Amino acid sequence: EFGVPYEAHIFSAHRTPAEAAEFAREAAENGFGVIIAAAGMAA
């Protein structure tokens, strides 16, 4: 609605921790300005 570019991914803090960490570490250099993280249960 606001014309903001985004990317959505599934990464688990417990089942794919390396991939989640890599995404976060490289996010700024990959053009991200904010990260939204949605999770239930242990969250």
All heavy atoms as atom14 arrays in JSON, in Angstrom:
{
  "sequence": "EFGVPYEAHIFSAHRTPAEAAEFAREAAENGFGVIIAAAGMAA",
  "atom14_mask": [
    [1, 1, 1, 1, 1, 1, 1, 1, 1, 0, 0, 0, 0, 0],
    [1, 1, 1, 1, 1, 1, 1, 1, 1, 1, 1, 0, 0, 0],
    [1, 1, 1, 1, 0, 0, 0, 0, 0, 0, 0, 0, 0, 0],
    [1, 1, 1, 1, 1, 1, 1, 0, 0, 0, 0, 0, 0, 0],
    [1, 1, 1, 1, 1, 1, 1, 0, 0, 0, 0, 0, 0, 0],
    [1, 1, 1, 1, 1, 1, 1, 1, 1, 1, 1, 1, 0, 0],
    [1, 1, 1, 1, 1, 1, 1, 1, 1, 0, 0, 0, 0, 0],
    [1, 1, 1, 1, 1, 0, 0, 0, 0, 0, 0, 0, 0, 0],
    [1, 1, 1, 1, 1, 1, 1, 1, 1, 1, 0, 0, 0, 0],
    [1, 1, 1, 1, 1, 1, 1, 1, 0, 0, 0, 0, 0, 0],
    [1, 1, 1, 1, 1, 1, 1, 1, 1, 1, 1, 0, 0, 0],
    [1, 1, 1, 1, 1, 1, 0, 0, 0, 0, 0, 0, 0, 0],
    [1, 1, 1, 1, 1, 0, 0, 0, 0, 0, 0, 0, 0, 0],
    [1, 1, 1, 1, 1, 1, 1, 1, 1, 1, 0, 0, 0, 0],
    [1, 1, 1, 1, 1, 1, 1, 1, 1, 1, 1, 0, 0, 0],
    [1, 1, 1, 1, 1, 1, 1, 0, 0, 0, 0, 0, 0, 0],
    [1, 1, 1, 1, 1, 1, 1, 0, 0, 0, 0, 0, 0, 0],
    [1, 1, 1, 1, 1, 0, 0, 0, 0, 0, 0, 0, 0, 0],
    [1, 1, 1, 1, 1, 1, 1, 1, 1, 0, 0, 0, 0, 0],
    [1, 1, 1, 1, 1, 0, 0, 0, 0, 0, 0, 0, 0, 0],
    [1, 1, 1, 1, 1, 0, 0, 0, 0, 0, 0, 0, 0, 0],
    [1, 1, 1, 1, 1, 1, 1, 1, 1, 0, 0, 0, 0, 0],
    [1, 1, 1, 1, 1, 1, 1, 1, 1, 1, 1, 0, 0, 0],
    [1, 1, 1, 1, 1, 0, 0, 0, 0, 0, 0, 0, 0, 0],
    [1, 1, 1, 1, 1, 1, 1, 1, 1, 1, 1, 0, 0, 0],
    [1, 1, 1, 1, 1, 1, 1, 1, 1, 0, 0, 0, 0, 0],
    [1, 1, 1, 1, 1, 0, 0, 0, 0, 0, 0, 0, 0, 0],
    [1, 1, 1, 1, 1, 0, 0, 0, 0, 0, 0, 0, 0, 0],
    [1, 1, 1, 1, 1, 1, 1, 1, 1, 0, 0, 0, 0, 0],
    [1, 1, 1, 1, 1, 1, 1, 1, 0, 0, 0, 0, 0, 0],
    [1, 1, 1, 1, 0, 0, 0, 0, 0, 0, 0, 0, 0, 0],
    [1, 1, 1, 1, 1, 1, 1, 1, 1, 1, 1, 0, 0, 0],
    [1, 1, 1, 1, 0, 0, 0, 0, 0, 0, 0, 0, 0, 0],
    [1, 1, 1, 1, 1, 1, 1, 0, 0, 0, 0, 0, 0, 0],
    [1, 1, 1, 1, 1, 1, 1, 1, 0, 0, 0, 0, 0, 0],
    [1, 1, 1, 1, 1, 1, 1, 1, 0, 0, 0, 0, 0, 0],
    [1, 1, 1, 1, 1, 0, 0, 0, 0, 0, 0, 0, 0, 0],
    [1, 1, 1, 1, 1, 0, 0, 0, 0, 0, 0, 0, 0, 0],
    [1, 1, 1, 1, 1, 0, 0, 0, 0, 0, 0, 0, 0, 0],
    [1, 1, 1, 1, 0, 0, 0, 0, 0, 0, 0, 0, 0, 0],
    [1, 1, 1, 1, 1, 1, 1, 1, 0, 0, 0, 0, 0, 0],
    [1, 1, 1, 1, 1, 0, 0, 0, 0, 0, 0, 0, 0, 0],
    [1, 1, 1, 1, 1, 0, 0, 0, 0, 0, 0, 0, 0, 0]
  ],
  "atom14_positions": [
    [[0.83, -1.21, 0.0], [0.0, 0.0, 0.0], [0.87, 1.27, 0.0], [0.51, 2.27, -0.62], [-0.91, -0.03, 1.23], [-1.8, 1.15, 1.44], [-2.58, 1.06, 2.75], [-2.89, -0.06, 3.2], [-2.87, 2.12, 3.32], [0.0, 0.0, 0.0], [0.0, 0.0, 0.0], [0.0, 0.0, 0.0], [0.0, 0.0, 0.0], [0.0, 0.0, 0.0]],
    [[2.0, 1.2, 0.68], [2.9, 2.35, 0.76], [3.99, 2.33, -0.3], [4.82, 3.23, -0.36], [3.54, 2.42, 2.16], [2.62, 2.97, 3.2], [1.77, 2.13, 3.9], [2.59, 4.33, 3.45], [0.9, 2.64, 4.86], [1.72, 4.85, 4.4], [0.88, 4.01, 5.1], [0.0, 0.0, 0.0], [0.0, 0.0, 0.0], [0.0, 0.0, 0.0]],
    [[4.03, 1.29, -1.13], [5.05, 1.19, -2.16], [6.44, 0.89, -1.63], [7.44, 1.26, -2.24], [0.0, 0.0, 0.0], [0.0, 0.0, 0.0], [0.0, 0.0, 0.0], [0.0, 0.0, 0.0], [0.0, 0.0, 0.0], [0.0, 0.0, 0.0], [0.0, 0.0, 0.0], [0.0, 0.0, 0.0], [0.0, 0.0, 0.0], [0.0, 0.0, 0.0]],
    [[6.5, 0.22, -0.49], [7.78, -0.11, 0.14], [8.24, -1.49, -0.34], [7.5, -2.47, -0.21], [7.66, -0.08, 1.68], [8.94, -0.6, 2.33], [7.34, 1.33, 2.16], [0.0, 0.0, 0.0], [0.0, 0.0, 0.0], [0.0, 0.0, 0.0], [0.0, 0.0, 0.0], [0.0, 0.0, 0.0], [0.0, 0.0, 0.0], [0.0, 0.0, 0.0]],
    [[9.45, -1.58, -0.87], [9.95, -2.88, -1.31], [10.25, -3.79, -0.11], [10.59, -3.3, 0.97], [11.24, -2.55, -2.07], [11.67, -1.22, -1.55], [10.43, -0.51, -1.09], [0.0, 0.0, 0.0], [0.0, 0.0, 0.0], [0.0, 0.0, 0.0], [0.0, 0.0, 0.0], [0.0, 0.0, 0.0], [0.0, 0.0, 0.0], [0.0, 0.0, 0.0]],
    [[10.09, -5.08, -0.31], [10.29, -6.04, 0.78], [10.72, -7.38, 0.2], [10.58, -7.64, -1.01], [8.99, -6.22, 1.58], [7.9, -6.86, 0.75], [7.76, -8.25, 0.71], [7.06, -6.09, -0.04], [6.8, -8.84, -0.09], [6.11, -6.66, -0.83], [5.97, -8.05, -0.85], [5.04, -8.62, -1.66], [0.0, 0.0, 0.0], [0.0, 0.0, 0.0]],
    [[11.23, -8.22, 1.06], [11.48, -9.63, 0.77], [10.96, -10.42, 1.96], [11.13, -9.97, 3.1], [12.97, -9.94, 0.63], [13.58, -9.51, -0.67], [15.05, -9.93, -0.75], [15.48, -10.88, -0.03], [15.78, -9.28, -1.52], [0.0, 0.0, 0.0], [0.0, 0.0, 0.0], [0.0, 0.0, 0.0], [0.0, 0.0, 0.0], [0.0, 0.0, 0.0]],
    [[10.36, -11.55, 1.7], [9.87, -12.41, 2.78], [10.55, -13.77, 2.69], [10.74, -14.31, 1.59], [8.36, -12.56, 2.7], [0.0, 0.0, 0.0], [0.0, 0.0, 0.0], [0.0, 0.0, 0.0], [0.0, 0.0, 0.0], [0.0, 0.0, 0.0], [0.0, 0.0, 0.0], [0.0, 0.0, 0.0], [0.0, 0.0, 0.0], [0.0, 0.0, 0.0]],
    [[10.92, -14.31, 3.85], [11.61, -15.59, 3.93], [11.13, -16.38, 5.15], [10.64, -15.79, 6.11], [13.13, -15.39, 4.07], [13.74, -14.63, 2.96], [14.1, -15.21, 1.76], [14.05, -13.3, 2.84], [14.62, -14.29, 0.97], [14.6, -13.12, 1.6], [0.0, 0.0, 0.0], [0.0, 0.0, 0.0], [0.0, 0.0, 0.0], [0.0, 0.0, 0.0]],
    [[11.32, -17.68, 5.1], [11.11, -18.53, 6.27], [12.48, -18.97, 6.76], [13.21, -19.66, 6.04], [10.24, -19.76, 5.95], [8.85, -19.33, 5.51], [10.18, -20.71, 7.16], [7.97, -20.48, 5.05], [0.0, 0.0, 0.0], [0.0, 0.0, 0.0], [0.0, 0.0, 0.0], [0.0, 0.0, 0.0], [0.0, 0.0, 0.0], [0.0, 0.0, 0.0]],
    [[12.83, -18.52, 7.96], [14.05, -18.96, 8.64], [13.68, -19.19, 10.09], [13.09, -18.32, 10.72], [15.17, -17.92, 8.58], [15.7, -17.64, 7.2], [15.79, -16.34, 6.73], [16.14, -18.67, 6.38], [16.3, -16.06, 5.48], [16.64, -18.4, 5.12], [16.72, -17.09, 4.66], [0.0, 0.0, 0.0], [0.0, 0.0, 0.0], [0.0, 0.0, 0.0]],
    [[14.04, -20.32, 10.63], [13.75, -20.63, 12.01], [14.97, -20.36, 12.88], [16.09, -20.72, 12.52], [13.36, -22.12, 12.12], [13.34, -22.53, 13.47], [0.0, 0.0, 0.0], [0.0, 0.0, 0.0], [0.0, 0.0, 0.0], [0.0, 0.0, 0.0], [0.0, 0.0, 0.0], [0.0, 0.0, 0.0], [0.0, 0.0, 0.0], [0.0, 0.0, 0.0]],
    [[14.72, -19.74, 14.03], [15.82, -19.5, 14.98], [16.38, -20.82, 15.5], [17.54, -20.87, 15.92], [15.33, -18.65, 16.14], [0.0, 0.0, 0.0], [0.0, 0.0, 0.0], [0.0, 0.0, 0.0], [0.0, 0.0, 0.0], [0.0, 0.0, 0.0], [0.0, 0.0, 0.0], [0.0, 0.0, 0.0], [0.0, 0.0, 0.0], [0.0, 0.0, 0.0]],
    [[15.57, -21.87, 15.45], [15.99, -23.16, 16.02], [16.32, -24.21, 14.97], [17.24, -24.99, 15.16], [14.88, -23.69, 16.93], [14.54, -22.73, 18.02], [13.44, -21.92, 17.98], [15.19, -22.41, 19.16], [13.4, -21.16, 19.05], [14.46, -21.43, 19.79], [0.0, 0.0, 0.0], [0.0, 0.0, 0.0], [0.0, 0.0, 0.0], [0.0, 0.0, 0.0]],
    [[15.59, -24.21, 13.87], [15.81, -25.26, 12.86], [16.77, -24.83, 11.74], [17.41, -25.66, 11.12], [14.47, -25.7, 12.28], [13.6, -26.4, 13.33], [12.24, -26.81, 12.78], [11.44, -25.67, 12.35], [10.54, -25.04, 13.11], [10.34, -25.43, 14.35], [9.85, -24.03, 12.63], [0.0, 0.0, 0.0], [0.0, 0.0, 0.0], [0.0, 0.0, 0.0]],
    [[16.87, -23.51, 11.49], [17.82, -23.0, 10.49], [18.55, -21.77, 11.06], [18.53, -20.69, 10.46], [17.1, -22.62, 9.17], [16.11, -21.62, 9.46], [16.47, -23.83, 8.5], [0.0, 0.0, 0.0], [0.0, 0.0, 0.0], [0.0, 0.0, 0.0], [0.0, 0.0, 0.0], [0.0, 0.0, 0.0], [0.0, 0.0, 0.0], [0.0, 0.0, 0.0]],
    [[19.22, -21.94, 12.19], [19.86, -20.77, 12.82], [20.97, -20.15, 11.98], [21.14, -18.93, 12.0], [20.39, -21.33, 14.14], [20.55, -22.8, 13.89], [19.45, -23.17, 12.94], [0.0, 0.0, 0.0], [0.0, 0.0, 0.0], [0.0, 0.0, 0.0], [0.0, 0.0, 0.0], [0.0, 0.0, 0.0], [0.0, 0.0, 0.0], [0.0, 0.0, 0.0]],
    [[21.71, -20.95, 11.24], [22.81, -20.4, 10.44], [22.26, -19.51, 9.33], [22.8, -18.42, 9.07], [23.66, -21.53, 9.86], [0.0, 0.0, 0.0], [0.0, 0.0, 0.0], [0.0, 0.0, 0.0], [0.0, 0.0, 0.0], [0.0, 0.0, 0.0], [0.0, 0.0, 0.0], [0.0, 0.0, 0.0], [0.0, 0.0, 0.0], [0.0, 0.0, 0.0]],
    [[21.2, -19.95, 8.68], [20.61, -19.16, 7.6], [19.98, -17.87, 8.13], [20.09, -16.81, 7.51], [19.57, -20.0, 6.85], [20.15, -21.14, 6.05], [20.48, -22.4, 6.85], [20.27, -22.42, 8.09], [20.96, -23.36, 6.25], [0.0, 0.0, 0.0], [0.0, 0.0, 0.0], [0.0, 0.0, 0.0], [0.0, 0.0, 0.0], [0.0, 0.0, 0.0]],
    [[19.31, -17.97, 9.27], [18.72, -16.77, 9.88], [19.81, -15.76, 10.24], [19.68, -14.56, 9.96], [17.91, -17.15, 11.12], [0.0, 0.0, 0.0], [0.0, 0.0, 0.0], [0.0, 0.0, 0.0], [0.0, 0.0, 0.0], [0.0, 0.0, 0.0], [0.0, 0.0, 0.0], [0.0, 0.0, 0.0], [0.0, 0.0, 0.0], [0.0, 0.0, 0.0]],
    [[20.88, -16.25, 10.83], [21.98, -15.37, 11.22], [22.65, -14.74, 10.0], [22.98, -13.55, 10.0], [23.0, -16.13, 12.05], [0.0, 0.0, 0.0], [0.0, 0.0, 0.0], [0.0, 0.0, 0.0], [0.0, 0.0, 0.0], [0.0, 0.0, 0.0], [0.0, 0.0, 0.0], [0.0, 0.0, 0.0], [0.0, 0.0, 0.0], [0.0, 0.0, 0.0]],
    [[22.85, -15.52, 8.95], [23.47, -15.0, 7.73], [22.61, -13.9, 7.11], [23.12, -12.86, 6.71], [23.68, -16.14, 6.72], [24.3, -15.67, 5.42], [24.47, -16.8, 4.41], [23.93, -17.91, 4.61], [25.14, -16.55, 3.4], [0.0, 0.0, 0.0], [0.0, 0.0, 0.0], [0.0, 0.0, 0.0], [0.0, 0.0, 0.0], [0.0, 0.0, 0.0]],
    [[21.3, -14.14, 7.04], [20.41, -13.11, 6.5], [20.56, -11.81, 7.3], [20.7, -10.73, 6.73], [18.95, -13.57, 6.52], [18.02, -12.5, 6.04], [17.74, -12.38, 4.69], [17.44, -11.6, 6.92], [16.9, -11.35, 4.22], [16.61, -10.58, 6.47], [16.34, -10.47, 5.12], [0.0, 0.0, 0.0], [0.0, 0.0, 0.0], [0.0, 0.0, 0.0]],
    [[20.53, -11.93, 8.62], [20.61, -10.74, 9.48], [21.95, -10.03, 9.34], [22.0, -8.8, 9.24], [20.36, -11.14, 10.93], [0.0, 0.0, 0.0], [0.0, 0.0, 0.0], [0.0, 0.0, 0.0], [0.0, 0.0, 0.0], [0.0, 0.0, 0.0], [0.0, 0.0, 0.0], [0.0, 0.0, 0.0], [0.0, 0.0, 0.0], [0.0, 0.0, 0.0]],
    [[23.04, -10.79, 9.34], [24.37, -10.19, 9.23], [24.56, -9.44, 7.92], [25.25, -8.42, 7.87], [25.46, -11.26, 9.36], [25.77, -11.67, 10.78], [27.04, -12.49, 10.86], [27.05, -13.65, 9.98], [26.58, -14.86, 10.29], [26.07, -15.09, 11.48], [26.63, -15.84, 9.43], [0.0, 0.0, 0.0], [0.0, 0.0, 0.0], [0.0, 0.0, 0.0]],
    [[23.95, -9.93, 6.84], [24.15, -9.34, 5.51], [23.02, -8.38, 5.12], [23.07, -7.8, 4.04], [24.27, -10.47, 4.49], [25.49, -11.34, 4.72], [25.56, -12.53, 3.78], [24.63, -12.71, 2.94], [26.53, -13.29, 3.88], [0.0, 0.0, 0.0], [0.0, 0.0, 0.0], [0.0, 0.0, 0.0], [0.0, 0.0, 0.0], [0.0, 0.0, 0.0]],
    [[22.03, -8.2, 5.97], [20.84, -7.43, 5.61], [21.17, -5.99, 5.22], [20.68, -5.49, 4.2], [19.82, -7.45, 6.74], [0.0, 0.0, 0.0], [0.0, 0.0, 0.0], [0.0, 0.0, 0.0], [0.0, 0.0, 0.0], [0.0, 0.0, 0.0], [0.0, 0.0, 0.0], [0.0, 0.0, 0.0], [0.0, 0.0, 0.0], [0.0, 0.0, 0.0]],
    [[21.96, -5.31, 6.0], [22.27, -3.9, 5.7], [22.97, -3.76, 4.35], [22.59, -2.91, 3.53], [23.12, -3.29, 6.82], [0.0, 0.0, 0.0], [0.0, 0.0, 0.0], [0.0, 0.0, 0.0], [0.0, 0.0, 0.0], [0.0, 0.0, 0.0], [0.0, 0.0, 0.0], [0.0, 0.0, 0.0], [0.0, 0.0, 0.0], [0.0, 0.0, 0.0]],
    [[23.96, -4.6, 4.1], [24.68, -4.5, 2.83], [23.83, -4.96, 1.65], [24.12, -4.63, 0.5], [26.01, -5.25, 2.87], [25.89, -6.75, 3.02], [27.22, -7.43, 3.29], [27.9, -7.01, 4.23], [27.55, -8.38, 2.56], [0.0, 0.0, 0.0], [0.0, 0.0, 0.0], [0.0, 0.0, 0.0], [0.0, 0.0, 0.0], [0.0, 0.0, 0.0]],
    [[22.75, -5.69, 1.93], [21.84, -6.13, 0.88], [20.66, -5.18, 0.68], [19.69, -5.52, 0.01], [21.33, -7.55, 1.16], [22.41, -8.58, 0.93], [23.3, -8.4, 0.09], [22.36, -9.68, 1.67], [0.0, 0.0, 0.0], [0.0, 0.0, 0.0], [0.0, 0.0, 0.0], [0.0, 0.0, 0.0], [0.0, 0.0, 0.0], [0.0, 0.0, 0.0]],
    [[20.74, -3.99, 1.27], [19.75, -2.96, 1.0], [18.54, -2.91, 1.91], [17.58, -2.2, 1.63], [0.0, 0.0, 0.0], [0.0, 0.0, 0.0], [0.0, 0.0, 0.0], [0.0, 0.0, 0.0], [0.0, 0.0, 0.0], [0.0, 0.0, 0.0], [0.0, 0.0, 0.0], [0.0, 0.0, 0.0], [0.0, 0.0, 0.0], [0.0, 0.0, 0.0]],
    [[18.59, -3.62, 3.02], [17.47, -3.58, 3.96], [17.66, -2.45, 4.96], [18.78, -2.12, 5.34], [17.35, -4.92, 4.71], [16.95, -6.06, 3.81], [17.91, -6.87, 3.22], [15.62, -6.3, 3.53], [17.56, -7.89, 2.38], [15.26, -7.33, 2.68], [16.22, -8.13, 2.1], [0.0, 0.0, 0.0], [0.0, 0.0, 0.0], [0.0, 0.0, 0.0]],
    [[16.55, -1.87, 5.41], [16.6, -0.81, 6.41], [15.93, -1.21, 7.71], [16.19, -0.61, 8.75], [0.0, 0.0, 0.0], [0.0, 0.0, 0.0], [0.0, 0.0, 0.0], [0.0, 0.0, 0.0], [0.0, 0.0, 0.0], [0.0, 0.0, 0.0], [0.0, 0.0, 0.0], [0.0, 0.0, 0.0], [0.0, 0.0, 0.0], [0.0, 0.0, 0.0]],
    [[15.07, -2.22, 7.65], [14.32, -2.7, 8.8], [14.05, -4.18, 8.58], [13.88, -4.62, 7.44], [12.95, -1.97, 8.94], [12.17, -2.47, 10.14], [13.11, -0.47, 8.99], [0.0, 0.0, 0.0], [0.0, 0.0, 0.0], [0.0, 0.0, 0.0], [0.0, 0.0, 0.0], [0.0, 0.0, 0.0], [0.0, 0.0, 0.0], [0.0, 0.0, 0.0]],
    [[13.97, -4.93, 9.67], [13.59, -6.35, 9.58], [12.4, -6.59, 10.5], [12.4, -6.18, 11.66], [14.76, -7.27, 9.99], [15.96, -7.05, 9.08], [14.31, -8.74, 9.95], [17.22, -7.78, 9.5], [0.0, 0.0, 0.0], [0.0, 0.0, 0.0], [0.0, 0.0, 0.0], [0.0, 0.0, 0.0], [0.0, 0.0, 0.0], [0.0, 0.0, 0.0]],
    [[11.4, -7.26, 9.96], [10.25, -7.74, 10.75], [10.46, -9.23, 10.95], [10.76, -9.95, 9.99], [8.93, -7.49, 10.01], [8.66, -6.0, 9.84], [7.77, -8.17, 10.74], [7.46, -5.67, 8.96], [0.0, 0.0, 0.0], [0.0, 0.0, 0.0], [0.0, 0.0, 0.0], [0.0, 0.0, 0.0], [0.0, 0.0, 0.0], [0.0, 0.0, 0.0]],
    [[10.29, -9.7, 12.19], [10.43, -11.12, 12.48], [9.15, -11.6, 13.16], [8.8, -11.12, 14.23], [11.64, -11.38, 13.37], [0.0, 0.0, 0.0], [0.0, 0.0, 0.0], [0.0, 0.0, 0.0], [0.0, 0.0, 0.0], [0.0, 0.0, 0.0], [0.0, 0.0, 0.0], [0.0, 0.0, 0.0], [0.0, 0.0, 0.0], [0.0, 0.0, 0.0]],
    [[8.46, -12.53, 12.53], [7.19, -13.06, 13.05], [7.37, -14.51, 13.47], [7.85, -15.32, 12.69], [6.11, -12.96, 11.99], [0.0, 0.0, 0.0], [0.0, 0.0, 0.0], [0.0, 0.0, 0.0], [0.0, 0.0, 0.0], [0.0, 0.0, 0.0], [0.0, 0.0, 0.0], [0.0, 0.0, 0.0], [0.0, 0.0, 0.0], [0.0, 0.0, 0.0]],
    [[6.98, -14.81, 14.71], [7.1, -16.19, 15.19], [6.15, -16.42, 16.35], [5.83, -15.51, 17.1], [8.53, -16.49, 15.61], [0.0, 0.0, 0.0], [0.0, 0.0, 0.0], [0.0, 0.0, 0.0], [0.0, 0.0, 0.0], [0.0, 0.0, 0.0], [0.0, 0.0, 0.0], [0.0, 0.0, 0.0], [0.0, 0.0, 0.0], [0.0, 0.0, 0.0]],
    [[5.75, -17.66, 16.49], [4.91, -18.06, 17.61], [5.67, -18.99, 18.52], [6.86, -19.25, 18.34], [0.0, 0.0, 0.0], [0.0, 0.0, 0.0], [0.0, 0.0, 0.0], [0.0, 0.0, 0.0], [0.0, 0.0, 0.0], [0.0, 0.0, 0.0], [0.0, 0.0, 0.0], [0.0, 0.0, 0.0], [0.0, 0.0, 0.0], [0.0, 0.0, 0.0]],
    [[4.99, -19.48, 19.51], [5.54, -20.38, 20.52], [6.78, -19.78, 21.18], [6.69, -18.72, 21.76], [5.75, -21.77, 19.94], [4.43, -22.38, 19.44], [4.57, -24.03, 18.83], [4.66, -24.92, 20.37], [0.0, 0.0, 0.0], [0.0, 0.0, 0.0], [0.0, 0.0, 0.0], [0.0, 0.0, 0.0], [0.0, 0.0, 0.0], [0.0, 0.0, 0.0]],
    [[7.93, -20.42, 21.09], [9.12, -19.91, 21.78], [9.53, -18.53, 21.28], [10.07, -17.74, 22.03], [10.28, -20.89, 21.64], [0.0, 0.0, 0.0], [0.0, 0.0, 0.0], [0.0, 0.0, 0.0], [0.0, 0.0, 0.0], [0.0, 0.0, 0.0], [0.0, 0.0, 0.0], [0.0, 0.0, 0.0], [0.0, 0.0, 0.0], [0.0, 0.0, 0.0]],
    [[9.28, -18.24, 20.01], [9.42, -16.91, 19.42], [10.76, -16.23, 19.67], [10.82, -15.04, 19.89], [8.28, -16.01, 19.91], [0.0, 0.0, 0.0], [0.0, 0.0, 0.0], [0.0, 0.0, 0.0], [0.0, 0.0, 0.0], [0.0, 0.0, 0.0], [0.0, 0.0, 0.0], [0.0, 0.0, 0.0], [0.0, 0.0, 0.0], [0.0, 0.0, 0.0]]
  ]
}
